Every structure is written in structure tokens, then in C-alpha cells.
């Protein structure tokens, strides 16, 4: 039987409990009692469960970052547990016994043939109105235009709805409200078929009115299905991310911090970057010009000491296009379109159909 899951822990009680859950899912799991034992099999199984007792060891072992890594703790999903998860390269935290059902589903999913995992990006603006939602949407449109199955996630319940930018607000389909209490495994085909979309770009946004709370299980379920069913997942995350935003940040391969070339925006970005690093391991800077006071992109990059993902100039056409729900047409050309094309080229993503055939 193929190895579906690797359990990395020195705690025999935790190991036995996780093996019991694996058996309930009819999944083949093995235990590595330390990072050295885990190293030979680190890239093989679809699921790796790292006990909180081994988080520091895994973090210092220099393992390649990969999807499907979960930190498991019996002390609750505390902020300390999430800090350990980020250090260990885990995308999520499962607390026993509360998340036993979720772990059984994860073991079951690990037994299925896997077509690959999506690359996940988050976009955060250093101040209100910085243009993070526009950047996230433009990246999604550019990716879909290249034949990539792309999911754009609105992680800001008070952002007004990212579907408005694309003129999709009247389109039928699933919103966060419909997934708020979802538990268990979600079919990727069902997700793709029920979300509003334009071309290869699917959108998960919020309904109008007061947003409903979204359960942790629902967020886990959605992000898991998104990773399995799309080539690229892009989350528009607010500066105060909330539960949905933090979950997206923890699952992100790369987080882009968009900073206008302004003094106040740069100062704000300094504190925000410190906060974001608690939840995301790869934070990169995007500078938007032109500067009203002559502040150069190099000066912003030097002040924030972040790796640069590039720069682009503000496009005066975009605010009107955003209000009219016509961002798709406006993003076909211009400095933002050029930035998105270069960014996607650097990521070198493969379309889902190509991976299925490989």
C-alpha cells in the first residue's frame, strides 16, 4: 500500500491517536520519531502531520517547503501553535480532539490520486485604497487568460465584494454565506461548477449586507478544495485579516505586500510586515508609483528590507473601470497588466490540464 501520510512526532500518545484516525480512513500512515527519520520520506506522501513537539526540529532541519503539511497539537489551536506552524512550514493547525473528523477526512483525501496542488498567493495593501483588491483581481484575470484555472478569494467581509469589480455581483453561484458551516471534504468539481466565474477565473466573494461568521472547518474545507482543484489561488486579504484572511495567509506560498510610494504608506507597511510574518513565510514587496513626493521604489524597498517582487505605476483608468465592473477590459493592457504578466512568468505555473496528462 502506498504511503498516504507521514506522522512526525516523538510523543507515543499522539502517534497512536493519529494512527487510529488513519485506520478509520483506511489510510496507510507511518511514524517518524524525529526529523532525521522523516527526511527520506518528506516529499512522498500527500499528507504530513507534524506534532507540536517536533515543530522546532522540523523548522531547523531545512526541509523543502511543500503543501499538505499540518501541525497537530493537543493544547488547542492557540496563537503559539500557529507560530510554530509557520516556522515548520505547515499550512494549518489541527487540535485534538476537536479536529478528529477533519483529520479523518484529510487522511482519506491523502489516499486519492493527486493531480497536483495549486500555488496560493495572497495580496495585502499597506493602507486603505492602496489597490490590493485591484492587483489581486488583475493577477487572477492574467492567469485565467493564460489558461490557468484560477480562484480569486475575497477574504475581506467588509470590502464591498470583489465580484463587483468584475460585474459578477448578479451572477448566481456560491458565496461565503453558503459555505459558512460547511464541514468535511468538498468536491473540487462541485466548487468549480457552482462559483461565479468569467472564463477560467472563478470568484468566491460575500453576499451584500452584514457578513456571516465563517467556521474554521468551512475555511479549511474551502482552501483544501481550492488547492486540489485549481492551478492558482489568489486571496485578497485585508490589513486586519480576521479568521478567513489568516487561514489564507498560512496557506500562501507567497504573500505580496502592496505599498504605494508614499512616506505614510511605507511607515504603515513596516508594522504590517511584522504582523504578516507571523502567518506567512514568504513576504514580498510590490511598490506602486508614481510617488507624489519623489520617493523612489528603491528607497521604499530599502526602508522595508523586503525582497522586491517588482513595481508598477498607477493606471488612472482603473478607478472608473472598478466602479463600472469593467476591470477585465481595463486590465488587458497597461503597467498593471505588464506587471502581472511578468509575475506569472516568474512563477512558471503549469495549467491543470497539462498536469493531468503528465
Protein backbone atom coordinates (compact mmCIF):
# COMPACT_ATOMS: atom_id res chain seq x y z
CA UNK A 1 0.00 0.00 0.00
CA UNK A 2 1.33 3.45 -0.89
CA UNK A 3 2.25 5.74 1.97
CA UNK A 4 -0.56 8.29 2.31
CA UNK A 5 0.63 10.14 5.40
CA UNK A 6 3.77 10.65 7.45
CA UNK A 7 3.43 11.42 11.16
CA UNK A 8 6.41 13.22 12.68
CA UNK A 9 6.34 13.15 16.47
CA UNK A 10 8.21 11.79 19.44
CA UNK A 11 5.02 11.61 21.51
CA UNK A 12 3.76 7.99 21.53
CA UNK A 13 0.29 9.01 22.70
CA UNK A 14 -0.08 11.48 19.84
CA UNK A 15 1.32 8.96 17.36
CA UNK A 16 -1.13 6.26 18.47
CA UNK A 17 -4.05 8.67 18.28
CA UNK A 18 -3.17 9.74 14.75
CA UNK A 19 -2.61 6.15 13.62
CA UNK A 20 -6.09 5.35 14.93
CA UNK A 21 -7.57 8.16 12.83
CA UNK A 22 -5.62 6.97 9.80
CA UNK A 23 -7.03 3.47 10.27
CA UNK A 24 -10.54 4.93 10.40
CA UNK A 25 -9.89 6.44 6.96
CA UNK A 26 -8.25 3.22 5.68
CA UNK A 27 -5.10 5.23 5.05
CA UNK A 28 -1.54 3.90 5.28
CA UNK A 29 0.40 6.12 7.69
CA UNK A 30 3.82 5.71 9.24
CA UNK A 31 5.52 7.42 12.16
CA UNK A 32 8.90 9.15 12.03
CA UNK A 33 10.15 9.81 15.55
CA UNK A 34 12.33 12.75 14.54
CA UNK A 35 13.40 14.92 11.59
CA UNK A 36 16.20 12.54 10.61
CA UNK A 37 13.73 9.68 10.23
CA UNK A 38 11.32 11.95 8.35
CA UNK A 39 13.86 13.26 5.83
CA UNK A 40 13.89 10.30 3.37
CA UNK A 41 10.09 10.33 3.01
CA UNK A 42 9.42 14.07 3.31
CA UNK A 43 8.43 14.58 -0.34
CA UNK A 44 6.46 11.34 -0.85
CA UNK A 45 3.12 11.30 0.98
CA UNK A 46 0.24 13.65 0.24
CA UNK A 47 -0.12 14.47 3.96
CA UNK A 48 2.48 15.18 6.63
CA UNK A 49 1.38 15.66 10.24
CA UNK A 50 3.98 17.32 12.46
CA UNK A 51 3.46 17.05 16.20
CA UNK A 52 3.92 20.29 18.12
CA UNK A 53 6.78 18.58 19.95
CA UNK A 54 8.70 18.29 16.67
CA UNK A 55 7.90 21.71 15.19
CA UNK A 56 11.22 23.27 16.17
CA UNK A 57 13.18 20.27 14.91
CA UNK A 58 11.38 20.27 11.56
CA UNK A 59 11.89 24.03 11.26
CA UNK A 60 15.65 23.70 11.78
CA UNK A 61 16.00 20.63 9.53
CA UNK A 62 15.81 22.70 6.35
CA UNK A 63 13.16 20.58 4.66
CA UNK A 64 11.85 21.73 1.29
CA UNK A 65 8.62 23.71 1.65
CA UNK A 66 5.69 21.67 0.33
CA UNK A 67 1.90 21.57 0.54
CA UNK A 68 -0.06 19.17 2.72
CA UNK A 69 1.80 19.84 5.99
CA UNK A 70 -0.31 20.22 9.15
CA UNK A 71 0.82 20.91 12.72
CA UNK A 72 -1.03 18.72 15.24
CA UNK A 73 -1.38 19.75 18.87
CA UNK A 74 -3.31 18.59 21.90
CA UNK A 75 -3.09 22.05 23.51
CA UNK A 76 -5.65 23.81 21.30
CA UNK A 77 -5.27 25.96 18.19
CA UNK A 78 -3.53 28.79 20.04
CA UNK A 79 -1.52 31.67 18.61
CA UNK A 80 1.61 29.84 19.77
CA UNK A 81 0.56 26.77 17.77
CA UNK A 82 0.13 28.89 14.65
CA UNK A 83 3.54 30.49 15.22
CA UNK A 84 5.10 27.03 15.38
CA UNK A 85 3.20 26.04 12.23
CA UNK A 86 4.61 28.94 10.24
CA UNK A 87 8.16 28.12 11.40
CA UNK A 88 7.74 24.44 10.49
CA UNK A 89 6.30 25.19 7.05
CA UNK A 90 2.83 23.89 7.93
CA UNK A 91 -0.20 25.38 6.23
CA UNK A 92 -2.66 24.61 9.01
CA UNK A 93 -3.12 23.57 12.64
CA UNK A 94 -5.27 20.67 13.83
CA UNK A 95 -6.10 20.44 17.53
CA UNK A 96 -7.06 17.14 19.12
CA UNK A 97 -9.67 16.04 19.94
CA UNK A 98 -11.65 18.90 18.34
CA UNK A 99 -10.46 18.28 14.79
CA UNK A 100 -10.62 14.47 14.66
CA UNK A 101 -13.27 14.47 11.91
CA UNK A 102 -11.24 16.91 9.84
CA UNK A 103 -8.13 14.76 10.22
CA UNK A 104 -10.00 11.62 9.15
CA UNK A 105 -11.10 13.47 6.02
CA UNK A 106 -7.51 14.61 5.46
CA UNK A 107 -6.26 11.02 5.73
CA UNK A 108 -8.95 9.89 3.28
CA UNK A 109 -8.04 12.66 0.84
CA UNK A 110 -4.37 11.67 1.05
CA UNK A 111 -5.26 8.23 -0.33
CA UNK A 112 -6.69 9.67 -3.55
CA UNK A 113 -4.61 10.17 -6.72
CA UNK A 114 -3.42 13.76 -6.74
CA UNK A 115 -3.23 15.89 -9.85
CA UNK A 116 -1.15 18.50 -8.10
CA UNK A 117 -1.62 21.40 -5.73
CA UNK A 118 -2.39 24.96 -6.62
CA UNK A 119 0.05 27.75 -6.00
CA UNK A 120 -1.53 30.11 -3.47
CA UNK A 121 -0.88 33.86 -3.43
CA UNK A 122 -2.11 36.50 -1.00
CA UNK A 123 -2.24 40.23 -1.68
CA UNK A 124 -2.33 42.79 1.15
CA UNK A 125 -2.27 46.59 0.88
CA UNK A 126 -0.27 48.71 3.30
CA UNK A 127 -3.13 51.21 3.62
CA UNK A 128 -6.76 51.54 2.64
CA UNK A 129 -7.18 52.29 -1.04
CA UNK A 130 -3.70 51.04 -1.92
CA UNK A 131 -5.16 48.91 -4.69
CA UNK A 132 -4.65 45.41 -3.28
CA UNK A 133 -8.06 44.22 -4.49
CA UNK A 134 -7.34 45.55 -7.97
CA UNK A 135 -3.93 43.86 -8.00
CA UNK A 136 -5.38 40.54 -6.81
CA UNK A 137 -8.10 40.70 -9.45
CA UNK A 138 -5.67 41.69 -12.20
CA UNK A 139 -3.40 38.77 -11.33
CA UNK A 140 -6.41 36.46 -11.49
CA UNK A 141 -7.50 37.80 -14.87
CA UNK A 142 -4.00 37.50 -16.29
CA UNK A 143 -3.65 33.92 -15.05
CA UNK A 144 -7.04 32.90 -16.42
CA UNK A 145 -6.11 34.49 -19.73
CA UNK A 146 -3.14 32.12 -19.87
CA UNK A 147 -5.38 29.08 -19.44
CA UNK A 148 -4.78 28.60 -15.72
CA UNK A 149 -7.74 27.52 -13.62
CA UNK A 150 -7.75 30.37 -11.13
CA UNK A 151 -9.75 31.05 -7.98
CA UNK A 152 -9.98 34.60 -6.63
CA UNK A 153 -10.93 34.60 -2.94
CA UNK A 154 -12.34 37.68 -1.26
CA UNK A 155 -11.05 37.38 2.31
CA UNK A 156 -12.41 40.79 3.37
CA UNK A 157 -16.03 40.55 4.58
CA UNK A 158 -16.23 44.36 4.77
CA UNK A 159 -14.53 45.10 1.46
CA UNK A 160 -17.67 45.62 -0.59
CA UNK A 161 -17.36 42.44 -2.64
CA UNK A 162 -14.61 41.70 -5.12
CA UNK A 163 -17.22 40.34 -7.54
CA UNK A 164 -18.34 43.94 -8.16
CA UNK A 165 -15.06 44.71 -9.91
CA UNK A 166 -15.81 42.06 -12.49
CA UNK A 167 -19.52 42.73 -12.90
CA UNK A 168 -20.37 39.34 -11.36
CA UNK A 169 -22.49 40.59 -8.45
CA UNK A 170 -25.73 39.49 -10.14
CA UNK A 171 -24.40 36.11 -11.24
CA UNK A 172 -25.83 33.12 -9.43
CA UNK A 173 -23.45 30.92 -7.53
CA UNK A 174 -21.91 30.10 -4.19
CA UNK A 175 -20.71 32.85 -1.83
CA UNK A 176 -19.06 32.62 1.59
CA UNK A 177 -22.51 32.64 3.20
CA UNK A 178 -23.30 29.31 1.53
CA UNK A 179 -20.12 27.72 2.87
CA UNK A 180 -20.15 29.24 6.36
CA UNK A 181 -20.91 25.98 8.20
CA UNK A 182 -19.53 23.53 5.66
CA UNK A 183 -17.69 20.52 7.10
CA UNK A 184 -15.96 17.56 5.53
CA UNK A 185 -14.47 17.11 2.11
CA UNK A 186 -15.69 19.35 -0.71
CA UNK A 187 -15.61 18.11 -4.29
CA UNK A 188 -13.37 20.22 -6.49
CA UNK A 189 -15.71 19.72 -9.44
CA UNK A 190 -18.64 20.96 -7.37
CA UNK A 191 -16.68 24.00 -6.25
CA UNK A 192 -15.68 24.94 -9.78
CA UNK A 193 -19.18 24.41 -11.15
CA UNK A 194 -21.01 26.43 -8.51
CA UNK A 195 -18.83 29.53 -8.15
CA UNK A 196 -19.49 32.65 -10.25
CA UNK A 197 -16.85 32.94 -12.93
CA UNK A 198 -15.66 34.67 -16.05
CA UNK A 199 -13.70 32.38 -18.33
CA UNK A 200 -11.20 30.41 -16.26
CA UNK A 201 -11.44 32.84 -13.33
CA UNK A 202 -13.77 31.70 -10.52
CA UNK A 203 -14.65 34.10 -7.71
CA UNK A 204 -15.61 33.48 -4.09
CA UNK A 205 -16.99 36.66 -2.55
CA UNK A 206 -19.55 37.80 0.02
CA UNK A 207 -23.24 38.49 -0.34
CA UNK A 208 -24.47 42.03 0.20
CA UNK A 209 -25.40 43.03 3.73
CA UNK A 210 -23.95 42.00 7.05
CA UNK A 211 -21.39 39.19 6.63
CA UNK A 212 -21.95 35.91 8.43
CA UNK A 213 -19.23 34.28 10.56
CA UNK A 214 -17.42 31.52 8.69
CA UNK A 215 -16.41 28.50 10.76
CA UNK A 216 -12.82 27.29 10.90
CA UNK A 217 -13.91 23.97 9.39
CA UNK A 218 -15.52 25.77 6.46
CA UNK A 219 -12.37 27.76 5.74
CA UNK A 220 -10.23 24.60 5.92
CA UNK A 221 -12.64 22.77 3.61
CA UNK A 222 -12.66 25.57 1.07
CA UNK A 223 -8.88 26.09 0.98
CA UNK A 224 -8.30 22.34 0.69
CA UNK A 225 -10.71 22.02 -2.24
CA UNK A 226 -9.22 25.10 -3.87
CA UNK A 227 -5.70 23.70 -3.61
CA UNK A 228 -6.81 20.43 -5.18
CA UNK A 229 -8.98 21.84 -7.95
CA UNK A 230 -7.23 24.92 -9.29
CA UNK A 231 -3.85 25.87 -10.72
CA UNK A 232 -3.69 29.19 -8.89
CA UNK A 233 -5.49 30.53 -5.82
CA UNK A 234 -5.31 34.27 -5.10
CA UNK A 235 -6.66 35.76 -1.87
CA UNK A 236 -7.38 39.45 -1.37
CA UNK A 237 -6.57 39.84 2.33
CA UNK A 238 -7.33 42.97 4.40
CA UNK A 239 -4.78 44.58 6.71
CA UNK A 240 -6.72 43.22 9.69
CA UNK A 241 -7.14 39.75 8.25
CA UNK A 242 -9.64 38.01 10.54
CA UNK A 243 -10.06 34.24 10.54
CA UNK A 244 -10.51 33.85 6.79
CA UNK A 245 -7.58 36.10 5.96
CA UNK A 246 -5.24 34.45 8.45
CA UNK A 247 -6.10 31.00 7.09
CA UNK A 248 -5.33 32.22 3.58
CA UNK A 249 -2.01 33.72 4.70
CA UNK A 250 -1.00 30.46 6.35
CA UNK A 251 -1.71 28.53 3.18
CA UNK A 252 0.09 31.03 0.92
CA UNK A 253 3.21 30.15 -0.99
CA UNK A 254 3.86 33.88 -1.50
CA UNK A 255 2.27 36.99 0.03
CA UNK A 256 2.58 40.28 -1.83
CA UNK A 257 2.56 43.46 0.26
CA UNK A 258 1.46 46.33 -1.99
CA UNK A 259 2.91 49.68 -0.89
CA UNK A 260 2.27 52.99 -2.67
CA UNK A 261 5.46 55.04 -2.99
CA UNK A 262 4.45 57.39 -0.17
CA UNK A 263 6.04 58.10 3.19
CA UNK A 264 2.98 57.26 5.34
CA UNK A 265 2.20 54.12 3.36
CA UNK A 266 5.80 52.97 3.79
CA UNK A 267 5.78 53.61 7.54
CA UNK A 268 2.47 51.74 7.83
CA UNK A 269 3.91 48.85 5.82
CA UNK A 270 6.78 48.42 8.28
CA UNK A 271 4.48 47.48 11.15
CA UNK A 272 2.17 45.50 8.91
CA UNK A 273 5.06 43.41 7.57
CA UNK A 274 5.99 42.42 11.12
CA UNK A 275 2.43 41.25 11.76
CA UNK A 276 2.17 39.40 8.45
CA UNK A 277 5.35 37.44 9.10
CA UNK A 278 3.57 35.69 11.97
CA UNK A 279 1.29 33.98 9.45
CA UNK A 280 3.20 33.82 6.17
CA UNK A 281 6.71 32.63 5.44
CA UNK A 282 7.41 34.29 2.07
CA UNK A 283 6.57 38.01 2.10
CA UNK A 284 7.48 40.11 -0.94
CA UNK A 285 7.17 43.80 -1.65
CA UNK A 286 5.32 45.37 -4.58
CA UNK A 287 5.76 49.15 -4.93
CA UNK A 288 3.17 51.22 -6.75
CA UNK A 289 4.20 54.57 -8.23
CA UNK A 290 4.40 57.29 -9.12
CA UNK A 291 5.32 58.97 -5.86
CA UNK A 292 3.71 62.35 -5.13
CA UNK A 293 6.85 63.40 -3.23
CA UNK A 294 9.60 61.77 -5.24
CA UNK A 295 10.05 58.67 -3.05
CA UNK A 296 11.68 56.04 -5.26
CA UNK A 297 10.82 52.32 -5.29
CA UNK A 298 14.42 51.58 -4.26
CA UNK A 299 14.01 53.82 -1.21
CA UNK A 300 10.81 52.01 -0.20
CA UNK A 301 12.48 48.63 -0.67
CA UNK A 302 15.50 49.71 1.38
CA UNK A 303 13.31 51.09 4.18
CA UNK A 304 11.25 47.91 4.50
CA UNK A 305 14.09 45.41 3.92
CA UNK A 306 11.81 43.04 1.98
CA UNK A 307 12.56 41.13 -1.21
CA UNK A 308 11.11 43.02 -4.17
CA UNK A 309 8.55 41.41 -6.48
CA UNK A 310 8.56 44.43 -8.78
CA UNK A 311 6.93 47.80 -9.33
CA UNK A 312 4.22 49.31 -11.50
CA UNK A 313 2.69 52.75 -11.95
CA UNK A 314 -0.88 53.57 -11.03
CA UNK A 315 -3.26 53.46 -14.02
CA UNK A 316 -5.74 56.35 -13.98
CA UNK A 317 -8.28 54.29 -15.94
CA UNK A 318 -8.73 51.69 -13.23
CA UNK A 319 -10.87 53.53 -10.62
CA UNK A 320 -13.58 54.17 -13.22
CA UNK A 321 -13.33 50.62 -14.53
CA UNK A 322 -13.65 49.30 -10.98
CA UNK A 323 -16.82 51.31 -10.35
CA UNK A 324 -18.31 50.11 -13.64
CA UNK A 325 -17.47 46.45 -13.04
CA UNK A 326 -15.31 46.57 -16.15
CA UNK A 327 -11.91 45.73 -14.69
CA UNK A 328 -11.50 42.76 -17.01
CA UNK A 329 -11.43 45.00 -20.08
CA UNK A 330 -9.24 47.65 -18.43
CA UNK A 331 -6.61 45.11 -17.35
CA UNK A 332 -5.84 43.88 -20.85
CA UNK A 333 -3.07 46.45 -21.24
CA UNK A 334 -1.13 48.99 -19.22
CA UNK A 335 1.50 48.94 -16.45
CA UNK A 336 -0.52 46.68 -14.15
CA UNK A 337 -1.10 44.15 -16.93
CA UNK A 338 2.63 44.15 -17.69
CA UNK A 339 3.46 43.57 -14.01
CA UNK A 340 1.03 40.65 -13.78
CA UNK A 341 2.40 39.04 -16.93
CA UNK A 342 5.96 39.21 -15.59
CA UNK A 343 4.94 37.93 -12.15
CA UNK A 344 3.16 34.91 -13.61
CA UNK A 345 6.11 34.19 -15.90
CA UNK A 346 8.40 34.17 -12.87
CA UNK A 347 6.11 31.65 -11.13
CA UNK A 348 6.22 29.33 -14.19
CA UNK A 349 2.85 27.74 -13.43
CA UNK A 350 1.53 24.79 -15.43
CA UNK A 351 -2.13 24.54 -16.48
CA UNK A 352 -4.16 21.84 -14.73
CA UNK A 353 -4.86 20.02 -17.99
CA UNK A 354 -1.12 19.71 -18.59
CA UNK A 355 -0.55 18.26 -15.13
CA UNK A 356 -3.44 15.82 -15.54
CA UNK A 357 -1.87 14.50 -18.73
CA UNK A 358 1.64 14.29 -17.29
